[in-house]
Protein backbone atom coordinates (compact mmCIF):
# COMPACT_ATOMS: atom_id res chain seq x y z
CA UNK A 1 0.00 0.00 0.00
CA UNK A 2 2.86 2.35 0.77
CA UNK A 3 6.48 2.64 -0.34
CA UNK A 4 9.70 1.52 1.43
CA UNK A 5 12.96 3.35 1.73
CA UNK A 6 14.68 3.10 -1.62
CA UNK A 7 17.94 1.17 -1.65
CA UNK A 8 19.82 -0.69 -4.27
CA UNK A 9 22.63 -3.14 -3.73
CA UNK A 10 24.96 -4.17 -6.52
CA UNK A 11 26.29 -7.66 -6.22
CA UNK A 12 29.86 -7.97 -7.46
CA UNK A 13 31.33 -11.26 -8.53
CA UNK A 14 31.66 -13.30 -5.34
CA UNK A 15 31.64 -16.95 -4.44
CA UNK A 16 28.31 -18.70 -4.35
CA UNK A 17 26.76 -19.04 -0.89
CA UNK A 18 27.88 -21.99 1.13
CA UNK A 19 25.62 -24.99 0.54
CA UNK A 20 25.09 -25.34 4.30
CA UNK A 21 23.96 -21.70 4.58
CA UNK A 22 21.51 -22.15 1.73
CA UNK A 23 19.88 -25.27 3.10
CA UNK A 24 19.51 -24.17 6.71
CA UNK A 25 18.43 -20.58 6.00
CA UNK A 26 14.84 -19.93 4.91
CA UNK A 27 13.27 -16.77 3.54
CA UNK A 28 10.95 -16.69 6.54
CA UNK A 29 13.88 -16.90 8.97
CA UNK A 30 15.63 -14.02 7.17
CA UNK A 31 12.50 -11.83 7.34
CA UNK A 32 11.88 -12.62 11.01
CA UNK A 33 15.43 -11.70 12.04
CA UNK A 34 15.45 -8.63 9.80
CA UNK A 35 12.20 -7.38 11.34
CA UNK A 36 13.54 -7.96 14.85
CA UNK A 37 16.70 -6.04 13.98
CA UNK A 38 14.74 -3.17 12.40
CA UNK A 39 12.41 -2.97 15.42
CA UNK A 40 15.36 -2.89 17.80
CA UNK A 41 17.80 -0.61 15.97
CA UNK A 42 15.86 1.11 13.17
CA UNK A 43 15.83 0.68 9.40
CA UNK A 44 19.11 2.53 8.92
CA UNK A 45 20.85 -0.13 11.01
CA UNK A 46 19.38 -2.92 8.90
CA UNK A 47 22.05 -3.82 6.35
CA UNK A 48 22.66 -7.04 4.46
CA UNK A 49 26.05 -7.43 6.12
CA UNK A 50 24.76 -6.88 9.65
CA UNK A 51 21.81 -9.18 9.07
CA UNK A 52 24.14 -11.88 7.78
CA UNK A 53 26.24 -11.53 10.93
CA UNK A 54 23.12 -11.82 13.08
CA UNK A 55 22.14 -15.01 11.26
CA UNK A 56 25.66 -16.42 11.31
CA UNK A 57 25.94 -16.73 7.53
CA UNK A 58 27.79 -15.00 4.71
CA UNK A 59 26.12 -12.01 2.99
CA UNK A 60 25.96 -14.04 -0.21
CA UNK A 61 23.69 -16.54 1.55
CA UNK A 62 21.11 -13.76 1.95
CA UNK A 63 21.28 -12.87 -1.74
CA UNK A 64 20.01 -16.38 -2.39
CA UNK A 65 16.70 -15.16 -0.93
CA UNK A 66 16.77 -11.39 -1.54
CA UNK A 67 18.65 -9.55 -4.27
CA UNK A 68 19.17 -6.46 -2.13
CA UNK A 69 17.86 -4.38 0.74
CA UNK A 70 14.94 -2.99 -1.22
CA UNK A 71 13.64 -6.48 -1.92
CA UNK A 72 14.23 -7.40 1.73
CA UNK A 73 12.18 -4.40 2.87
CA UNK A 74 9.37 -5.48 0.55
CA UNK A 75 9.46 -8.81 2.37
CA UNK A 76 9.19 -7.05 5.74
CA UNK A 77 6.24 -4.99 4.53
CA UNK A 78 4.41 -8.11 3.34
CA UNK A 79 5.21 -9.79 6.67
CA UNK A 80 3.67 -6.86 8.59
CA UNK A 81 0.50 -6.78 6.47
CA UNK A 82 0.22 -10.50 7.05
CA UNK A 83 -0.15 -9.82 10.78
CA UNK A 84 -3.33 -7.79 10.24
CA UNK A 85 -6.29 -9.98 11.20
CA UNK A 86 -8.72 -9.96 8.28
CA UNK A 87 -11.22 -12.38 9.86
CA UNK A 88 -13.90 -9.79 10.60
CA UNK A 89 -17.55 -10.71 11.13
CA UNK A 90 -19.15 -9.78 7.82
CA UNK A 91 -22.60 -10.01 9.42
CA UNK A 92 -21.77 -7.25 11.90
CA UNK A 93 -22.59 -3.56 11.19
CA UNK A 94 -20.09 -2.08 8.76
CA UNK A 95 -18.74 0.30 11.40
CA UNK A 96 -17.82 -2.66 13.61
CA UNK A 97 -16.16 -4.45 10.70
CA UNK A 98 -14.01 -1.42 9.90
CA UNK A 99 -13.28 -0.93 13.60
CA UNK A 100 -12.02 -4.52 13.94
CA UNK A 101 -9.80 -4.15 10.88
CA UNK A 102 -8.50 -0.75 11.98
CA UNK A 103 -7.77 -1.93 15.52
CA UNK A 104 -5.86 -4.92 14.13
CA UNK A 105 -3.77 -2.58 11.98
CA UNK A 106 -3.07 -0.44 15.05
CA UNK A 107 -2.00 -3.54 16.97
CA UNK A 108 0.60 -4.32 14.29
CA UNK A 109 1.84 -0.73 14.19
CA UNK A 110 2.20 -0.65 17.97
CA UNK A 111 3.94 -4.03 18.15
CA UNK A 112 6.68 -3.12 15.66
CA UNK A 113 8.57 0.20 16.04
CA UNK A 114 9.76 -0.13 12.44
CA UNK A 115 6.24 -0.65 11.06
CA UNK A 116 5.15 2.99 10.62
CA UNK A 117 8.15 3.84 8.44
CA UNK A 118 7.99 0.56 6.54
CA UNK A 119 4.28 0.75 5.72
CA UNK A 120 4.29 4.48 5.02
CA UNK A 121 7.08 4.34 2.47
CA UNK A 122 6.63 0.92 0.91
CA UNK A 123 6.45 0.90 -2.88
CA UNK A 124 5.34 -2.62 -3.59
CA UNK A 125 1.93 -4.11 -2.76
CA UNK A 126 2.21 -7.79 -1.92
CA UNK A 127 -0.64 -10.26 -1.54
CA UNK A 128 -1.08 -9.51 2.19
CA UNK A 129 -1.48 -5.78 1.58
CA UNK A 130 -3.84 -6.37 -1.35
CA UNK A 131 -5.99 -8.75 0.72
CA UNK A 132 -6.43 -6.24 3.56
CA UNK A 133 -7.14 -3.38 1.15
CA UNK A 134 -9.64 -5.47 -0.82
CA UNK A 135 -11.48 -6.33 2.41
CA UNK A 136 -11.60 -2.70 3.55
CA UNK A 137 -12.90 -1.54 0.18
CA UNK A 138 -15.52 -4.30 0.07
CA UNK A 139 -16.80 -3.42 3.56
CA UNK A 140 -17.10 0.25 2.61
CA UNK A 141 -18.63 -0.36 -0.82
CA UNK A 142 -21.17 -2.78 0.70
CA UNK A 143 -21.99 -0.06 3.23
CA UNK A 144 -22.89 2.28 0.38
CA UNK A 145 -19.70 4.33 -0.02
CA UNK A 146 -18.87 5.33 -3.58
CA UNK A 147 -15.65 3.94 -5.10
CA UNK A 148 -14.01 7.34 -4.56
CA UNK A 149 -15.11 7.71 -0.91
CA UNK A 150 -14.21 4.09 -0.14
CA UNK A 151 -10.75 4.68 -1.59
CA UNK A 152 -10.29 7.87 0.43
CA UNK A 153 -11.30 6.02 3.60
CA UNK A 154 -9.06 3.01 2.95
CA UNK A 155 -6.05 5.21 2.29
CA UNK A 156 -6.66 7.43 5.29
CA UNK A 157 -6.93 4.41 7.61
CA UNK A 158 -3.21 3.72 7.32
CA UNK A 159 -2.15 7.36 7.65
CA UNK A 160 -4.48 7.82 10.64
CA UNK A 161 -3.12 4.67 12.30
CA UNK A 162 0.46 5.82 11.79
CA UNK A 163 -0.38 9.29 13.14
CA UNK A 164 -1.94 7.75 16.27
CA UNK A 165 1.12 5.61 16.94
CA UNK A 166 3.60 8.43 16.29
CA UNK A 167 1.65 10.78 18.58
CA UNK A 168 1.19 8.31 21.43
CA UNK A 169 1.66 10.23 24.72
CA UNK A 170 4.90 9.32 26.46
CA UNK A 171 6.27 7.50 23.42
CA UNK A 172 9.65 9.25 23.83
CA UNK A 173 12.56 6.93 24.61
CA UNK A 174 12.81 7.99 28.25
CA UNK A 175 12.77 6.11 31.51
CA UNK A 176 9.83 6.59 33.88
CA UNK A 177 11.52 9.29 35.97
CA UNK A 178 12.59 11.32 32.92
CA UNK A 179 9.15 10.99 31.37
CA UNK A 180 7.42 12.12 34.58
CA UNK A 181 9.72 15.13 34.81
CA UNK A 182 9.11 16.09 31.18
CA UNK A 183 5.36 15.74 31.72
CA UNK A 184 5.56 17.93 34.82
CA UNK A 185 7.45 20.66 32.96
CA UNK A 186 4.97 20.65 30.07
CA UNK A 187 2.07 20.79 32.51
CA UNK A 188 3.60 23.71 34.40
CA UNK A 189 4.21 25.55 31.13
CA UNK A 190 0.50 25.38 30.25
CA UNK A 191 -0.87 25.85 33.76
CA UNK A 192 1.12 29.07 34.29
CA UNK A 193 -0.11 30.79 31.14
CA UNK A 194 -2.34 33.83 31.50
CA UNK A 195 -5.84 32.54 32.37
CA UNK A 196 -7.31 35.59 30.65
CA UNK A 197 -5.46 34.97 27.40
CA UNK A 198 -5.43 31.15 27.41
CA UNK A 199 -8.26 30.03 29.74
CA UNK A 200 -8.77 26.67 28.02
CA UNK A 201 -5.07 25.79 27.94
CA UNK A 202 -4.84 26.47 31.67
CA UNK A 203 -8.02 24.47 32.30
CA UNK A 204 -6.74 21.51 30.26
CA UNK A 205 -3.10 21.63 31.38
CA UNK A 206 -3.26 18.19 33.00
CA UNK A 207 -5.07 16.18 30.29
CA UNK A 208 -3.13 17.97 27.54
CA UNK A 209 0.15 16.69 29.00
CA UNK A 210 -0.99 13.33 30.43
CA UNK A 211 0.92 10.28 29.19
CA UNK A 212 -0.04 7.60 31.70
CA UNK A 213 -2.89 5.98 29.76
CA UNK A 214 -2.09 5.45 26.07
CA UNK A 215 -5.11 3.14 25.70
CA UNK A 216 -7.41 6.16 26.05
CA UNK A 217 -5.41 7.87 23.31
CA UNK A 218 -6.02 4.96 20.94
CA UNK A 219 -9.64 4.43 21.98
CA UNK A 220 -10.45 8.07 21.25
CA UNK A 221 -8.54 7.95 17.96
CA UNK A 222 -10.41 4.86 16.78
CA UNK A 223 -13.77 6.35 17.82
CA UNK A 224 -12.91 9.57 16.00
CA UNK A 225 -11.97 7.74 12.80
CA UNK A 226 -15.06 5.48 12.80
CA UNK A 227 -17.33 8.34 13.83
CA UNK A 228 -15.97 10.44 10.98
CA UNK A 229 -16.70 7.68 8.47
CA UNK A 230 -20.22 7.25 9.85
CA UNK A 231 -20.80 11.01 9.60
CA UNK A 232 -19.64 11.02 5.96
CA UNK A 233 -21.95 8.10 5.17
CA UNK A 234 -24.89 9.85 6.81
CA UNK A 235 -24.16 13.11 4.99
CA UNK A 236 -23.89 11.36 1.63
CA UNK A 237 -27.16 9.52 2.26
CA UNK A 238 -28.88 12.78 3.19
CA UNK A 239 -27.62 14.47 0.05
CA UNK A 240 -28.84 11.58 -2.10
CA UNK A 241 -32.33 11.75 -0.55
CA UNK A 242 -32.76 15.50 -0.95
């Protein structure tokens, strides 16, 4: 659905991978270790050479499965989309079907730190991505959305999910004490503003800087997304009737 970080890797003439490496190393094993490495250290740290070291094989053994980093990233993207649970109850109201699919996408994004960047910048659509997108479009079209509105909604689901994860309160890489101190400073900054000039900022100083319950952040975000879709559907239906 989305593009990965471009990268090309030229393979110079080198010995063929060791037969033992080729037989004991599977494409799935390569993807699993690559995803773990990307989640831990970031996509910039994910190189063919470092991945080969992690797996205890020669770099050429990896080229047996992937021709370069770009192809490897495509494999990671497909692996992530494959984690999205597409077994929604098609007899449920369409809002609940979309909610289940959206919440499953959020679960994947939250579980893998590398997922937002991978899914946002991926170029190639594999079967897993196509299956999820097809399901989302079918739910929305069955609900009465036009092809254009269904497409807008399906595309915005990913960007909304990524935005929710990237804006999770307290997501900074800090320990509990540092996070609490940062929260306190932000709260003080808002609470000490002029109540005549910024009455609502002062009033909302605590909830605006709270970071102790991310589940509320996601619950509100999901409700806002689904509620927005329902409002669009209602508005379109009202326009059609008038």
